[in-house]
Amino acid sequence: INAEYMGSLDVLFRFKQGQIEVEQAAVVTDYADAILIHKNVIQHLNTDIRASGTDKVRILREIKDFKKGIRAVEWEIEMLNYQTGTLELEYRHLHTLRVTKAMQEFIKGGGEGHNESERAKLAQKLDHLKSTYEAKVEEKRRGILKVRHIIREKEAENSILEEQAGDAAMVVKDRDDIVSLQSTGLDQARAQKMMKDLRVTRKLEDVARAQQDEIQELRERIDRLRERTFPSFAVVSKRVMGNPDEKPRSA
């Protein structure tokens, strides 16, 4: 009995999922026709496959290098053919070239003088361009100074207009105060006192404004004198020694 069941023993093995190459069924997989292959056989087969692949890669590289060499030789041949054609065209051009007198002089050695004349013309042109450039720069600089002067004048006008606007606002305020005094029914003495104070204040403001205008005029005169005099340190000597352009006033 033992001899009859020796060939039909059930043996359990545990495999990883990637090691099973039998197609899996939806429910139960039939392994009746499956066979077990030893791991050493698979590794030996993989080694043979890698060796064969390495040989094929080496052969492909040799083929690539060979074709690359062929392409380089073809390119060199094409380049030489092109150079040959270029030289033939230049040779034909030299055969059909008509030699002029200027070319004969240049061949005999007259080209050096020609180059010297060309250099002289270029030097003259460069000097002309440089002088033109300097003149334009100077013109632009004068224009900038003129614009700055106009800006200063406009600023002075604006300051004067601002002062006039302030004066007008003060006059309006004074008149509003007068109207309010007349409308509130204050006594005559208080109204006269306030009017007197307003007149005194207005006179003081007029005096202060006149002094400011005089100071501004003196400043502008100093600026004009500074602009006329160059270098700027002459202003200091003028303050010390006096202005020689002005005549001395008689006492």
Protein backbone atom coordinates (compact mmCIF):
# COMPACT_ATOMS: atom_id res chain seq x y z
CA ILE A 1 0.00 0.00 0.00
CA ASN A 2 2.82 2.43 0.77
CA ALA A 3 4.38 1.76 -2.59
CA GLU A 4 1.15 2.71 -4.39
CA TYR A 5 0.89 6.14 -2.71
CA MET A 6 4.58 7.09 -2.86
CA GLY A 7 4.09 9.03 -6.14
CA SER A 8 0.99 10.95 -5.12
CA LEU A 9 2.04 12.82 -2.02
CA ASP A 10 0.76 16.34 -1.32
CA VAL A 11 3.52 18.82 -0.48
CA LEU A 12 2.79 22.43 0.58
CA PHE A 13 5.06 25.25 -0.56
CA ARG A 14 4.98 29.00 0.16
CA PHE A 15 5.88 31.28 -2.77
CA LYS A 16 5.97 35.01 -3.27
CA GLN A 17 3.44 36.47 -5.63
CA GLY A 18 6.01 37.52 -8.24
CA GLN A 19 7.48 34.00 -8.42
CA ILE A 20 4.23 32.42 -9.71
CA GLU A 21 3.99 32.75 -13.50
CA VAL A 22 0.77 30.73 -13.92
CA GLU A 23 -2.16 32.81 -15.12
CA GLN A 24 -4.51 33.38 -12.22
CA ALA A 25 -8.19 32.43 -12.56
CA ALA A 26 -11.07 34.49 -11.19
CA VAL A 27 -11.94 32.05 -8.36
CA VAL A 28 -9.68 28.98 -8.13
CA THR A 29 -6.49 28.57 -10.15
CA ASP A 30 -5.73 25.12 -11.54
CA TYR A 31 -2.09 24.18 -11.02
CA ALA A 32 -2.46 20.66 -12.54
CA ASP A 33 -0.08 21.36 -15.44
CA ALA A 34 2.26 23.66 -13.45
CA ILE A 35 5.86 22.65 -12.90
CA LEU A 36 8.46 23.72 -10.36
CA ILE A 37 11.76 25.13 -11.62
CA HIS A 38 14.76 25.50 -9.34
CA LYS A 39 16.00 29.00 -8.60
CA ASN A 40 19.52 28.22 -9.83
CA VAL A 41 18.15 27.37 -13.27
CA ILE A 42 16.37 30.75 -13.47
CA GLN A 43 19.48 32.62 -12.34
CA HIS A 44 21.66 30.73 -14.87
CA LEU A 45 19.16 31.58 -17.62
CA ASN A 46 19.15 35.28 -16.57
CA THR A 47 22.95 35.26 -16.67
CA ASP A 48 22.91 33.89 -20.21
CA ILE A 49 20.33 36.50 -21.23
CA ARG A 50 22.42 39.36 -19.76
CA ALA A 51 25.53 38.05 -21.50
CA SER A 52 23.68 37.83 -24.81
CA GLY A 53 22.27 41.34 -24.31
CA THR A 54 25.75 42.70 -23.50
CA ASP A 55 27.13 41.18 -26.69
CA LYS A 56 24.30 42.68 -28.72
CA VAL A 57 24.86 46.12 -27.15
CA ARG A 58 28.58 45.88 -27.92
CA ILE A 59 27.84 44.94 -31.52
CA LEU A 60 25.37 47.82 -31.86
CA ARG A 61 27.96 50.25 -30.50
CA GLU A 62 30.53 48.99 -32.96
CA ILE A 63 27.99 49.43 -35.77
CA LYS A 64 27.21 52.96 -34.50
CA ASP A 65 30.89 53.92 -34.36
CA PHE A 66 31.46 52.46 -37.81
CA LYS A 67 28.53 54.40 -39.28
CA LYS A 68 29.74 57.51 -37.47
CA GLY A 69 33.16 57.12 -39.06
CA ILE A 70 31.55 56.63 -42.46
CA ARG A 71 29.47 59.79 -41.96
CA ALA A 72 32.58 61.75 -40.93
CA VAL A 73 34.41 60.57 -44.03
CA GLU A 74 31.41 61.49 -46.21
CA TRP A 75 31.25 64.95 -44.60
CA GLU A 76 34.97 65.48 -45.16
CA ILE A 77 34.60 64.42 -48.80
CA GLU A 78 31.68 66.83 -49.20
CA MET A 79 33.70 69.65 -47.61
CA LEU A 80 36.66 68.98 -49.89
CA ASN A 81 34.37 68.93 -52.94
CA TYR A 82 32.91 72.28 -51.87
CA GLN A 83 36.38 73.76 -51.34
CA THR A 84 37.44 72.41 -54.72
CA GLY A 85 34.43 74.08 -56.38
CA THR A 86 35.16 77.36 -54.57
CA LEU A 87 38.80 77.31 -55.68
CA GLU A 88 37.78 76.57 -59.28
CA LEU A 89 35.37 79.55 -59.23
CA GLU A 90 38.06 81.82 -57.82
CA TYR A 91 40.50 80.54 -60.43
CA ARG A 92 38.03 81.32 -63.22
CA HIS A 93 37.36 84.73 -61.70
CA LEU A 94 41.06 85.52 -61.68
CA HIS A 95 41.32 84.44 -65.33
CA THR A 96 38.42 86.68 -66.37
CA LEU A 97 39.35 89.62 -64.09
CA ARG A 98 40.09 92.88 -65.90
CA VAL A 99 43.10 94.58 -64.36
CA THR A 100 42.62 98.33 -63.95
CA LYS A 101 45.17 101.05 -63.46
CA ALA A 102 44.32 101.39 -59.76
CA MET A 103 44.87 97.65 -59.31
CA GLN A 104 48.21 97.87 -61.09
CA GLU A 105 49.30 100.72 -58.82
CA PHE A 106 48.16 98.80 -55.78
CA ILE A 107 50.08 95.70 -56.91
CA LYS A 108 53.21 97.74 -57.57
CA GLY A 109 53.09 99.20 -54.05
CA GLY A 110 50.91 102.27 -54.38
CA GLY A 111 48.38 100.86 -51.93
CA GLU A 112 50.21 102.24 -48.93
CA GLY A 113 49.69 105.85 -50.01
CA HIS A 114 46.06 105.10 -50.72
CA ASN A 115 45.65 103.70 -47.22
CA GLU A 116 47.30 106.78 -45.76
CA SER A 117 44.86 109.07 -47.59
CA GLU A 118 41.94 106.96 -46.38
CA ARG A 119 43.25 107.19 -42.82
CA ALA A 120 43.56 110.97 -43.12
CA LYS A 121 39.97 111.24 -44.38
CA LEU A 122 38.71 109.05 -41.57
CA ALA A 123 40.66 111.11 -39.01
CA GLN A 124 39.14 114.34 -40.39
CA LYS A 125 35.68 112.81 -40.27
CA LEU A 126 36.27 111.67 -36.69
CA ASP A 127 37.39 115.15 -35.66
CA HIS A 128 34.34 116.67 -37.31
CA LEU A 129 32.02 114.26 -35.55
CA LYS A 130 33.74 114.93 -32.22
CA SER A 131 33.43 118.72 -32.61
CA THR A 132 29.78 118.36 -33.66
CA TYR A 133 29.09 116.18 -30.67
CA GLU A 134 30.73 118.65 -28.29
CA ALA A 135 28.75 121.53 -29.82
CA LYS A 136 25.49 119.63 -29.39
CA VAL A 137 26.37 118.77 -25.79
CA GLU A 138 27.14 122.41 -25.06
CA GLU A 139 23.86 123.48 -26.69
CA LYS A 140 21.92 120.98 -24.58
CA ARG A 141 23.72 122.20 -21.46
CA ARG A 142 22.77 125.80 -22.21
CA GLY A 143 19.20 124.68 -22.79
CA ILE A 144 19.17 122.95 -19.40
CA LEU A 145 20.46 126.09 -17.69
CA LYS A 146 17.81 128.16 -19.45
CA VAL A 147 15.06 125.76 -18.38
CA ARG A 148 16.33 125.85 -14.80
CA HIS A 149 16.26 129.66 -14.88
CA ILE A 150 12.66 129.59 -16.16
CA ILE A 151 11.77 127.14 -13.40
CA ARG A 152 13.20 129.48 -10.77
CA GLU A 153 11.23 132.39 -12.22
CA LYS A 154 8.03 130.36 -12.22
CA GLU A 155 8.64 129.31 -8.64
CA ALA A 156 9.12 132.94 -7.65
CA GLU A 157 5.88 133.87 -9.46
CA ASN A 158 4.07 131.04 -7.73
CA SER A 159 5.33 132.19 -4.33
CA ILE A 160 4.12 135.73 -5.11
CA LEU A 161 0.72 134.40 -6.17
CA GLU A 162 0.51 132.33 -2.99
CA GLU A 163 1.27 135.44 -0.91
CA GLN A 164 -1.39 137.41 -2.83
CA ALA A 165 -3.87 134.61 -2.28
CA GLY A 166 -3.05 134.64 1.44
CA ASP A 167 -3.51 138.43 1.54
CA ALA A 168 -6.84 138.14 -0.23
CA ALA A 169 -7.93 135.49 2.23
CA MET A 170 -6.92 137.73 5.13
CA VAL A 171 -8.88 140.68 3.61
CA VAL A 172 -11.93 138.49 3.25
CA LYS A 173 -11.53 137.33 6.83
CA ASP A 174 -11.19 140.93 8.03
CA ARG A 175 -14.33 141.92 6.19
CA ASP A 176 -16.17 138.92 7.57
CA ASP A 177 -15.09 139.99 11.08
CA ILE A 178 -16.32 143.54 10.42
CA VAL A 179 -19.65 142.28 9.16
CA SER A 180 -19.98 139.97 12.13
CA LEU A 181 -19.16 142.86 14.48
CA GLN A 182 -21.76 145.08 12.85
CA SER A 183 -24.37 142.31 12.92
CA THR A 184 -23.86 141.29 16.57
CA GLY A 185 -24.80 144.75 17.93
CA LEU A 186 -21.71 145.27 20.12
CA ASP A 187 -21.09 148.65 21.62
CA GLN A 188 -19.33 151.36 19.61
CA ALA A 189 -16.22 151.54 21.78
CA ARG A 190 -15.50 147.82 21.47
CA ALA A 191 -16.11 147.95 17.74
CA GLN A 192 -13.75 150.93 17.37
CA LYS A 193 -11.09 149.17 19.45
CA MET A 194 -11.33 146.06 17.31
CA MET A 195 -11.20 148.14 14.14
CA LYS A 196 -8.13 149.94 15.46
CA ASP A 197 -6.47 146.61 16.26
CA LEU A 198 -7.30 145.36 12.80
CA ARG A 199 -5.80 148.46 11.21
CA VAL A 200 -2.64 148.17 13.29
CA THR A 201 -2.35 144.49 12.43
CA ARG A 202 -2.85 145.25 8.76
CA LYS A 203 -0.18 147.98 8.84
CA LEU A 204 2.26 145.64 10.55
CA GLU A 205 1.54 142.95 7.97
CA ASP A 206 2.09 145.47 5.15
CA VAL A 207 5.42 146.51 6.68
CA ALA A 208 6.49 142.89 7.11
CA ARG A 209 5.45 142.08 3.53
CA ALA A 210 7.37 145.08 2.19
CA GLN A 211 10.45 143.99 4.10
CA GLN A 212 10.08 140.44 2.74
CA ASP A 213 9.79 141.80 -0.81
CA GLU A 214 12.90 143.91 -0.28
CA ILE A 215 14.81 140.90 1.10
CA GLN A 216 13.67 138.78 -1.87
CA GLU A 217 14.77 141.49 -4.30
CA LEU A 218 18.18 141.70 -2.61
CA ARG A 219 18.53 137.91 -2.82
CA GLU A 220 17.69 137.90 -6.52
CA ARG A 221 20.22 140.70 -7.08
CA ILE A 222 22.89 138.66 -5.25
CA ASP A 223 22.05 135.62 -7.39
CA ARG A 224 22.38 137.66 -10.59
CA LEU A 225 25.73 138.99 -9.46
CA ARG A 226 26.88 135.45 -8.68
CA GLU A 227 25.79 134.25 -12.10
CA ARG A 228 27.75 137.03 -13.79
CA THR A 229 30.92 136.30 -11.84
CA PHE A 230 32.98 133.09 -12.41
CA PRO A 231 34.52 131.42 -10.46
CA SER A 232 32.24 131.52 -7.44
CA PHE A 233 34.93 132.56 -4.96
CA ALA A 234 34.74 136.07 -6.49
CA VAL A 235 31.53 136.58 -4.50
CA VAL A 236 33.51 136.40 -1.26
CA SER A 237 36.09 138.92 -2.47
CA LYS A 238 33.27 141.17 -3.63
CA ARG A 239 31.71 141.14 -0.18
CA VAL A 240 35.05 142.03 1.38
CA MET A 241 36.36 144.54 -1.16
CA GLY A 242 33.05 145.82 -2.49
CA ASN A 243 31.57 145.76 -5.99
CA PRO A 244 33.90 147.64 -8.41
CA ASP A 245 31.06 148.02 -10.96
CA GLU A 246 28.97 150.15 -8.61
CA LYS A 247 29.90 153.80 -8.27
CA PRO A 248 30.53 155.02 -4.73
CA ARG A 249 27.64 156.99 -3.38
CA SER A 250 28.28 160.43 -2.04
CA ALA A 251 27.41 160.93 1.60
